[in-house]
Amino acid sequence: MTDGDDGYGGVFGAFPYAFRATDSLLCKSYVALGGLAALLLTLLFGLALVTLFGATAQARFSIVRAFYVLVGLGAVGPTIVPVLLVARSRRRKQSRKPGYEAGLALAGYAFLASLYAGAVVGAEATPLPPVAGLAFPLTGGLLIVAAHYVRR
């Protein structure tokens, strides 16, 4: 980053940058809570992966390990995407339709709710098959994409 550059310097810098740059209180709340959720999800999946490594220490390669990483990225990635989109549009001074940032924040909150709903549906005690739990986060992620393209 050069002197006078108001960029955010990557993923970690995007959170404080988006928080400072946005005028939307809903977006500010999502930057804070979404960042905390992303941190907790990263910690959860990281600890689960360490536990899995311990359980499968004898295996040279385990498809389950790769699946854990994929699921972790699938949970954390869409959680931070609304913040990254807001920071990027603010840094580039792109004009957006009114409500763009609030719409992304709402879509981010909906994604977090869909993660919870997917975990509940994916639990063994529900009458639906566990794979049906994937439909909720997938829909939540598509909602983020839709909010970006409709409001830009």
N, C-alpha and C. Protein backbone atom coordinates (compact mmCIF):
# COMPACT_ATOMS: atom_id res chain seq x y z
N MET A 1 0.85 -1.17 0.00
CA MET A 1 0.00 0.00 0.00
C MET A 1 0.90 1.23 0.00
N THR A 2 0.60 2.20 -0.82
CA THR A 2 1.41 3.41 -0.92
C THR A 2 0.85 4.48 0.00
N ASP A 3 1.67 5.51 0.22
CA ASP A 3 1.21 6.62 1.06
C ASP A 3 0.03 7.31 0.40
N GLY A 4 -0.97 7.60 1.18
CA GLY A 4 -2.17 8.26 0.68
C GLY A 4 -3.19 7.29 0.10
N ASP A 5 -2.85 6.02 0.00
CA ASP A 5 -3.79 5.03 -0.51
C ASP A 5 -4.78 4.70 0.61
N ASP A 6 -6.06 4.82 0.31
CA ASP A 6 -7.06 4.56 1.34
C ASP A 6 -7.60 3.13 1.25
N GLY A 7 -6.84 2.23 0.64
CA GLY A 7 -7.25 0.84 0.51
C GLY A 7 -7.28 0.16 1.86
N TYR A 8 -7.80 -1.03 1.86
CA TYR A 8 -7.97 -1.73 3.12
C TYR A 8 -6.95 -2.83 3.32
N GLY A 9 -6.16 -3.18 2.32
CA GLY A 9 -5.06 -4.10 2.50
C GLY A 9 -5.44 -5.55 2.73
N GLY A 10 -6.46 -6.05 2.10
CA GLY A 10 -6.79 -7.46 2.19
C GLY A 10 -8.03 -7.76 3.00
N VAL A 11 -8.22 -9.05 3.25
CA VAL A 11 -9.44 -9.52 3.90
C VAL A 11 -9.57 -8.96 5.32
N PHE A 12 -8.49 -9.02 6.09
CA PHE A 12 -8.59 -8.58 7.47
C PHE A 12 -8.80 -7.07 7.58
N GLY A 13 -8.22 -6.32 6.69
CA GLY A 13 -8.41 -4.87 6.70
C GLY A 13 -9.75 -4.43 6.14
N ALA A 14 -10.41 -5.32 5.41
CA ALA A 14 -11.71 -4.97 4.81
C ALA A 14 -12.78 -4.75 5.87
N PHE A 15 -12.69 -5.44 6.99
CA PHE A 15 -13.70 -5.30 8.03
C PHE A 15 -13.69 -3.91 8.67
N PRO A 16 -12.55 -3.43 9.18
CA PRO A 16 -12.59 -2.06 9.72
C PRO A 16 -12.85 -1.01 8.65
N TYR A 17 -12.35 -1.25 7.44
CA TYR A 17 -12.57 -0.30 6.36
C TYR A 17 -14.06 -0.20 6.02
N ALA A 18 -14.73 -1.34 5.86
CA ALA A 18 -16.16 -1.33 5.55
C ALA A 18 -16.96 -0.72 6.68
N PHE A 19 -16.55 -0.99 7.92
CA PHE A 19 -17.26 -0.43 9.07
C PHE A 19 -17.17 1.09 9.07
N ARG A 20 -15.99 1.62 8.77
CA ARG A 20 -15.80 3.08 8.74
C ARG A 20 -16.47 3.71 7.53
N ALA A 21 -16.43 3.03 6.38
CA ALA A 21 -16.86 3.64 5.13
C ALA A 21 -18.37 3.64 4.91
N THR A 22 -19.07 2.65 5.45
CA THR A 22 -20.50 2.55 5.16
C THR A 22 -21.32 3.55 5.98
N ASP A 23 -22.42 3.99 5.38
CA ASP A 23 -23.35 4.88 6.09
C ASP A 23 -24.51 4.09 6.69
N SER A 24 -24.67 2.85 6.29
CA SER A 24 -25.78 2.03 6.73
C SER A 24 -25.51 1.41 8.10
N LEU A 25 -26.39 1.69 9.05
CA LEU A 25 -26.24 1.10 10.37
C LEU A 25 -26.43 -0.41 10.33
N LEU A 26 -27.31 -0.89 9.46
CA LEU A 26 -27.51 -2.33 9.30
C LEU A 26 -26.24 -2.99 8.78
N CYS A 27 -25.58 -2.33 7.85
CA CYS A 27 -24.33 -2.86 7.31
C CYS A 27 -23.23 -2.84 8.37
N LYS A 28 -23.17 -1.77 9.15
CA LYS A 28 -22.18 -1.71 10.23
C LYS A 28 -22.39 -2.86 11.22
N SER A 29 -23.66 -3.14 11.53
CA SER A 29 -23.93 -4.23 12.46
C SER A 29 -23.52 -5.57 11.86
N TYR A 30 -23.74 -5.74 10.54
CA TYR A 30 -23.34 -7.00 9.93
C TYR A 30 -21.82 -7.13 9.87
N VAL A 31 -21.13 -6.04 9.61
CA VAL A 31 -19.67 -6.10 9.59
C VAL A 31 -19.16 -6.60 10.94
N ALA A 32 -19.73 -6.09 12.01
CA ALA A 32 -19.29 -6.52 13.35
C ALA A 32 -19.72 -7.96 13.65
N LEU A 33 -20.99 -8.25 13.49
CA LEU A 33 -21.49 -9.59 13.82
C LEU A 33 -21.06 -10.64 12.80
N GLY A 34 -21.02 -10.28 11.54
CA GLY A 34 -20.55 -11.21 10.52
C GLY A 34 -19.08 -11.55 10.69
N GLY A 35 -18.29 -10.55 11.08
CA GLY A 35 -16.88 -10.80 11.36
C GLY A 35 -16.70 -11.74 12.55
N LEU A 36 -17.50 -11.51 13.58
CA LEU A 36 -17.45 -12.40 14.75
C LEU A 36 -17.90 -13.81 14.38
N ALA A 37 -18.96 -13.91 13.59
CA ALA A 37 -19.45 -15.22 13.15
C ALA A 37 -18.39 -15.94 12.30
N ALA A 38 -17.72 -15.20 11.40
CA ALA A 38 -16.68 -15.80 10.57
C ALA A 38 -15.52 -16.29 11.43
N LEU A 39 -15.17 -15.52 12.44
CA LEU A 39 -14.10 -15.92 13.35
C LEU A 39 -14.48 -17.19 14.12
N LEU A 40 -15.71 -17.23 14.62
CA LEU A 40 -16.17 -18.40 15.36
C LEU A 40 -16.28 -19.64 14.46
N LEU A 41 -16.77 -19.45 13.24
CA LEU A 41 -16.86 -20.57 12.30
C LEU A 41 -15.47 -21.09 11.94
N THR A 42 -14.53 -20.19 11.74
CA THR A 42 -13.16 -20.60 11.44
C THR A 42 -12.57 -21.38 12.60
N LEU A 43 -12.80 -20.91 13.80
CA LEU A 43 -12.32 -21.62 14.99
C LEU A 43 -12.98 -22.99 15.11
N LEU A 44 -14.27 -23.05 14.91
CA LEU A 44 -15.01 -24.32 14.99
C LEU A 44 -14.50 -25.34 13.99
N PHE A 45 -14.38 -24.93 12.72
CA PHE A 45 -13.92 -25.86 11.71
C PHE A 45 -12.44 -26.18 11.87
N GLY A 46 -11.65 -25.24 12.36
CA GLY A 46 -10.24 -25.52 12.63
C GLY A 46 -10.06 -26.56 13.71
N LEU A 47 -10.82 -26.42 14.79
CA LEU A 47 -10.75 -27.41 15.88
C LEU A 47 -11.29 -28.77 15.44
N ALA A 48 -12.34 -28.75 14.63
CA ALA A 48 -12.87 -30.02 14.11
C ALA A 48 -11.84 -30.71 13.21
N LEU A 49 -11.11 -29.92 12.44
CA LEU A 49 -10.10 -30.50 11.57
C LEU A 49 -8.93 -31.07 12.38
N VAL A 50 -8.53 -30.39 13.44
CA VAL A 50 -7.47 -30.90 14.31
C VAL A 50 -7.91 -32.21 14.95
N THR A 51 -9.15 -32.27 15.41
CA THR A 51 -9.68 -33.49 15.99
C THR A 51 -9.71 -34.62 14.96
N LEU A 52 -10.11 -34.29 13.74
CA LEU A 52 -10.13 -35.28 12.68
C LEU A 52 -8.73 -35.78 12.34
N PHE A 53 -7.76 -34.88 12.32
CA PHE A 53 -6.37 -35.30 12.07
C PHE A 53 -5.91 -36.29 13.13
N GLY A 54 -6.29 -36.03 14.37
CA GLY A 54 -5.94 -36.96 15.44
C GLY A 54 -6.60 -38.31 15.27
N ALA A 55 -7.83 -38.32 14.81
CA ALA A 55 -8.56 -39.58 14.65
C ALA A 55 -8.10 -40.37 13.43
N THR A 56 -7.59 -39.66 12.43
CA THR A 56 -7.15 -40.33 11.20
C THR A 56 -5.65 -40.17 10.98
N ALA A 57 -4.89 -40.21 12.07
CA ALA A 57 -3.45 -39.97 11.98
C ALA A 57 -2.72 -41.02 11.14
N GLN A 58 -3.22 -42.22 11.08
CA GLN A 58 -2.56 -43.29 10.33
C GLN A 58 -2.79 -43.20 8.82
N ALA A 59 -3.81 -42.48 8.42
CA ALA A 59 -4.14 -42.38 7.00
C ALA A 59 -3.25 -41.34 6.32
N ARG A 60 -2.72 -41.70 5.15
CA ARG A 60 -1.91 -40.74 4.40
C ARG A 60 -2.80 -39.67 3.77
N PHE A 61 -3.93 -40.09 3.27
CA PHE A 61 -4.89 -39.14 2.68
C PHE A 61 -6.28 -39.58 3.10
N SER A 62 -7.07 -38.62 3.47
CA SER A 62 -8.44 -38.91 3.86
C SER A 62 -9.36 -37.95 3.13
N ILE A 63 -10.31 -38.50 2.42
CA ILE A 63 -11.28 -37.67 1.71
C ILE A 63 -12.12 -36.87 2.69
N VAL A 64 -12.27 -37.39 3.90
CA VAL A 64 -13.06 -36.69 4.92
C VAL A 64 -12.36 -35.39 5.32
N ARG A 65 -11.04 -35.40 5.38
CA ARG A 65 -10.30 -34.17 5.70
C ARG A 65 -10.57 -33.10 4.65
N ALA A 66 -10.50 -33.49 3.40
CA ALA A 66 -10.76 -32.54 2.32
C ALA A 66 -12.20 -32.04 2.39
N PHE A 67 -13.13 -32.91 2.74
CA PHE A 67 -14.52 -32.51 2.87
C PHE A 67 -14.70 -31.49 3.99
N TYR A 68 -14.01 -31.68 5.11
CA TYR A 68 -14.08 -30.72 6.22
C TYR A 68 -13.61 -29.35 5.77
N VAL A 69 -12.52 -29.31 5.03
CA VAL A 69 -11.99 -28.03 4.55
C VAL A 69 -12.99 -27.38 3.61
N LEU A 70 -13.57 -28.16 2.71
CA LEU A 70 -14.56 -27.63 1.78
C LEU A 70 -15.80 -27.08 2.49
N VAL A 71 -16.28 -27.81 3.47
CA VAL A 71 -17.46 -27.35 4.22
C VAL A 71 -17.11 -26.09 5.00
N GLY A 72 -15.92 -26.05 5.58
CA GLY A 72 -15.49 -24.86 6.31
C GLY A 72 -15.43 -23.64 5.41
N LEU A 73 -14.85 -23.80 4.23
CA LEU A 73 -14.81 -22.69 3.28
C LEU A 73 -16.20 -22.29 2.80
N GLY A 74 -17.06 -23.29 2.65
CA GLY A 74 -18.43 -23.02 2.24
C GLY A 74 -19.24 -22.28 3.29
N ALA A 75 -18.82 -22.37 4.54
CA ALA A 75 -19.51 -21.65 5.62
C ALA A 75 -18.89 -20.28 5.86
N VAL A 76 -17.58 -20.20 5.85
CA VAL A 76 -16.91 -18.93 6.15
C VAL A 76 -16.92 -17.99 4.96
N GLY A 77 -16.72 -18.53 3.76
CA GLY A 77 -16.65 -17.68 2.57
C GLY A 77 -17.86 -16.77 2.38
N PRO A 78 -19.06 -17.33 2.27
CA PRO A 78 -20.23 -16.46 2.09
C PRO A 78 -20.51 -15.55 3.29
N THR A 79 -19.97 -15.90 4.45
CA THR A 79 -20.16 -15.04 5.62
C THR A 79 -19.41 -13.72 5.45
N ILE A 80 -18.23 -13.77 4.82
CA ILE A 80 -17.44 -12.55 4.68
C ILE A 80 -17.65 -11.83 3.35
N VAL A 81 -18.29 -12.48 2.40
CA VAL A 81 -18.48 -11.87 1.07
C VAL A 81 -19.23 -10.53 1.12
N PRO A 82 -20.31 -10.37 1.89
CA PRO A 82 -20.97 -9.05 1.91
C PRO A 82 -20.04 -7.94 2.37
N VAL A 83 -19.20 -8.21 3.34
CA VAL A 83 -18.26 -7.20 3.84
C VAL A 83 -17.23 -6.86 2.75
N LEU A 84 -16.73 -7.88 2.09
CA LEU A 84 -15.74 -7.65 1.03
C LEU A 84 -16.34 -6.85 -0.13
N LEU A 85 -17.59 -7.14 -0.47
CA LEU A 85 -18.24 -6.39 -1.56
C LEU A 85 -18.46 -4.93 -1.19
N VAL A 86 -18.86 -4.68 0.04
CA VAL A 86 -19.05 -3.29 0.49
C VAL A 86 -17.72 -2.56 0.50
N ALA A 87 -16.69 -3.18 1.04
CA ALA A 87 -15.37 -2.53 1.10
C ALA A 87 -14.85 -2.25 -0.30
N ARG A 88 -15.02 -3.20 -1.20
CA ARG A 88 -14.55 -3.02 -2.58
C ARG A 88 -15.28 -1.90 -3.29
N SER A 89 -16.59 -1.85 -3.15
CA SER A 89 -17.34 -0.79 -3.84
C SER A 89 -17.03 0.58 -3.24
N ARG A 90 -16.80 0.66 -1.94
CA ARG A 90 -16.44 1.93 -1.31
C ARG A 90 -15.04 2.37 -1.70
N ARG A 91 -14.10 1.43 -1.75
CA ARG A 91 -12.72 1.77 -2.11
C ARG A 91 -12.65 2.27 -3.54
N ARG A 92 -13.40 1.64 -4.43
CA ARG A 92 -13.40 2.04 -5.84
C ARG A 92 -14.34 3.21 -6.12
N LYS A 93 -15.04 3.66 -5.08
CA LYS A 93 -15.99 4.78 -5.20
C LYS A 93 -17.01 4.51 -6.31
N GLN A 94 -17.51 3.28 -6.34
CA GLN A 94 -18.51 2.90 -7.33
C GLN A 94 -19.88 3.36 -6.85
N SER A 95 -20.63 3.93 -7.77
CA SER A 95 -21.98 4.33 -7.41
C SER A 95 -22.88 3.11 -7.42
N ARG A 96 -23.64 2.96 -6.39
CA ARG A 96 -24.56 1.83 -6.24
C ARG A 96 -25.96 2.36 -6.02
N LYS A 97 -26.93 1.50 -6.27
CA LYS A 97 -28.32 1.88 -6.01
C LYS A 97 -28.50 2.07 -4.51
N PRO A 98 -29.46 2.92 -4.12
CA PRO A 98 -29.75 3.08 -2.70
C PRO A 98 -30.15 1.73 -2.09
N GLY A 99 -29.63 1.46 -0.94
CA GLY A 99 -29.96 0.22 -0.26
C GLY A 99 -29.03 -0.93 -0.58
N TYR A 100 -27.98 -0.70 -1.38
CA TYR A 100 -27.06 -1.77 -1.75
C TYR A 100 -26.41 -2.39 -0.52
N GLU A 101 -25.87 -1.55 0.33
CA GLU A 101 -25.15 -2.05 1.50
C GLU A 101 -26.10 -2.69 2.51
N ALA A 102 -27.26 -2.09 2.70
CA ALA A 102 -28.25 -2.68 3.60
C ALA A 102 -28.76 -4.00 3.05
N GLY A 103 -28.93 -4.08 1.74
CA GLY A 103 -29.36 -5.33 1.11
C GLY A 103 -28.35 -6.44 1.28
N LEU A 104 -27.07 -6.10 1.14
CA LEU A 104 -26.02 -7.10 1.36
C LEU A 104 -25.99 -7.54 2.81
N ALA A 105 -26.20 -6.59 3.72
CA ALA A 105 -26.22 -6.95 5.15
C ALA A 105 -27.39 -7.88 5.46
N LEU A 106 -28.56 -7.58 4.92
CA LEU A 106 -29.71 -8.47 5.12
C LEU A 106 -29.45 -9.85 4.54
N ALA A 107 -28.85 -9.89 3.36
CA ALA A 107 -28.53 -11.19 2.75
C ALA A 107 -27.49 -11.93 3.59
N GLY A 108 -26.55 -11.21 4.18
CA GLY A 108 -25.57 -11.84 5.06
C GLY A 108 -26.22 -12.42 6.30
N TYR A 109 -27.12 -11.66 6.90
CA TYR A 109 -27.86 -12.18 8.06
C TYR A 109 -28.69 -13.40 7.68
N ALA A 110 -29.30 -13.35 6.49
CA ALA A 110 -30.09 -14.49 6.03
C ALA A 110 -29.21 -15.71 5.84
N PHE A 111 -27.97 -15.50 5.36
CA PHE A 111 -27.07 -16.63 5.20
C PHE A 111 -26.71 -17.24 6.56
N LEU A 112 -26.46 -16.39 7.55
CA LEU A 112 -26.15 -16.91 8.89
C LEU A 112 -27.33 -17.71 9.44
N ALA A 113 -28.54 -17.20 9.23
CA ALA A 113 -29.73 -17.94 9.67
C ALA A 113 -29.87 -19.25 8.90
N SER A 114 -29.50 -19.24 7.62
CA SER A 114 -29.60 -20.47 6.82
C SER A 114 -28.56 -21.51 7.27
N LEU A 115 -27.42 -21.06 7.75
CA LEU A 115 -26.44 -22.01 8.30
C LEU A 115 -27.04 -22.73 9.51
N TYR A 116 -27.70 -21.97 10.36
CA TYR A 116 -28.33 -22.57 11.54
C TYR A 116 -29.45 -23.52 11.11
N ALA A 117 -30.28 -23.07 10.19
CA ALA A 117 -31.39 -23.92 9.73
C ALA A 117 -30.86 -25.20 9.08
N GLY A 118 -29.78 -25.08 8.30
CA GLY A 118 -29.19 -26.25 7.68
C GLY A 118 -28.63 -27.23 8.70
N ALA A 119 -28.05 -26.70 9.77
CA ALA A 119 -27.53 -27.57 10.83
C ALA A 119 -28.66 -28.28 11.56
N VAL A 120 -29.76 -27.58 11.78
CA VAL A 120 -30.91 -28.19 12.46
C VAL A 120 -31.53 -29.27 11.58
N VAL A 121 -31.72 -28.98 10.30
CA VAL A 121 -32.32 -29.95 9.39
C VAL A 121 -31.37 -31.13 9.17
N GLY A 122 -30.07 -30.87 9.15
CA GLY A 122 -29.10 -31.92 8.94
C GLY A 122 -28.90 -32.82 10.15
N ALA A 123 -29.44 -32.43 11.29
CA ALA A 123 -29.30 -33.26 12.49
C ALA A 123 -30.09 -34.56 12.30
N GLU A 124 -29.64 -35.60 12.95
CA GLU A 124 -30.26 -36.91 12.76
C GLU A 124 -31.66 -37.02 13.34
N ALA A 125 -32.03 -36.15 14.25
CA ALA A 125 -33.33 -36.26 14.91
C ALA A 125 -34.49 -35.73 14.05
N THR A 126 -34.17 -35.10 12.91
CA THR A 126 -35.24 -34.56 12.07
C THR A 126 -35.70 -35.62 11.08
N PRO A 127 -36.95 -35.51 10.60
CA PRO A 127 -37.46 -36.51 9.65
C PRO A 127 -36.86 -36.36 8.25
N LEU A 128 -36.24 -35.21 7.95
CA LEU A 128 -35.65 -35.01 6.61
C LEU A 128 -34.29 -35.70 6.54
N PRO A 129 -33.84 -36.08 5.36
CA PRO A 129 -32.50 -36.65 5.24
C PRO A 129 -31.45 -35.58 5.52
N PRO A 130 -30.31 -35.95 6.09
CA PRO A 130 -29.28 -34.97 6.43
C PRO A 130 -28.79 -34.13 5.24
N VAL A 131 -28.83 -34.68 4.05
CA VAL A 131 -28.38 -33.93 2.88
C VAL A 131 -29.30 -32.74 2.60
N ALA A 132 -30.54 -32.81 3.04
CA ALA A 132 -31.48 -31.70 2.83
C ALA A 132 -31.03 -30.44 3.55
N GLY A 133 -30.18 -30.59 4.54
CA GLY A 133 -29.64 -29.43 5.25
C GLY A 133 -28.76 -28.56 4.38
N LEU A 134 -28.25 -29.08 3.28
CA LEU A 134 -27.41 -28.29 2.37
C LEU A 134 -28.21 -27.27 1.58
N ALA A 135 -29.49 -27.51 1.42
CA ALA A 135 -30.33 -26.60 0.62
C ALA A 135 -30.42 -25.21 1.27
N PHE A 136 -30.43 -25.15 2.58
CA PHE A 136 -30.57 -23.86 3.26
C PHE A 136 -29.36 -22.96 3.05
N PRO A 137 -28.13 -23.41 3.35
CA PRO A 137 -26.98 -22.54 3.10
C PRO A 137 -26.77 -22.23 1.62
N LEU A 138 -27.08 -23.16 0.76
CA LEU A 138 -26.96 -22.90 -0.67
C LEU A 138 -27.90 -21.78 -1.09
N THR A 139 -29.12 -21.82 -0.60
CA THR A 139 -30.09 -20.76 -0.89
C THR A 139 -29.63 -19.42 -0.30
N GLY A 140 -29.10 -19.47 0.92
CA GLY A 140 -28.59 -18.25 1.55
C GLY A 140 -27.43 -17.64 0.78
N GLY A 141 -26.54 -18.48 0.27
CA GLY A 141 -25.43 -17.98 -0.54
C GLY A 141 -25.90 -17.37 -1.84
N LEU A 142 -26.88 -18.00 -2.47
CA LEU A 142 -27.44 -17.44 -3.70
C LEU A 142 -28.16 -16.12 -3.45
N LEU A 143 -28.71 -15.97 -2.26
CA LEU A 143 -29.36 -14.70 -1.90
C LEU A 143 -28.34 -13.56 -1.83
N ILE A 144 -27.14 -13.84 -1.36
CA ILE A 144 -26.08 -12.83 -1.33
C ILE A 144 -25.72 -12.40 -2.75
N VAL A 145 -25.57 -13.38 -3.63
CA VAL A 145 -25.26 -13.08 -5.04
C VAL A 145 -26.38 -12.26 -5.66
N ALA A 146 -27.62 -12.63 -5.39
CA ALA A 146 -28.76 -11.90 -5.94
C ALA A 146 -28.80 -10.47 -5.41
N ALA A 147 -28.55 -10.29 -4.12
CA ALA A 147 -28.56 -8.94 -3.54
C ALA A 147 -27.50 -8.06 -4.20
N HIS A 148 -26.35 -8.64 -4.49
CA HIS A 148 -25.28 -7.87 -5.13
C HIS A 148 -25.67 -7.45 -6.54
N TYR A 149 -26.19 -8.39 -7.32
CA TYR A 149 -26.49 -8.07 -8.71
C TYR A 149 -27.75 -7.23 -8.89
N VAL A 150 -28.71 -7.37 -8.03
CA VAL A 150 -29.94 -6.59 -8.15
C VAL A 150 -29.72 -5.14 -7.71
N ARG A 151 -28.91 -4.94 -6.68
CA ARG A 151 -28.75 -3.59 -6.12
C ARG A 151 -27.53 -2.85 -6.62
N ARG A 152 -26.73 -3.41 -7.50
CA ARG A 152 -25.51 -2.70 -7.90
C ARG A 152 -25.73 -1.65 -8.93
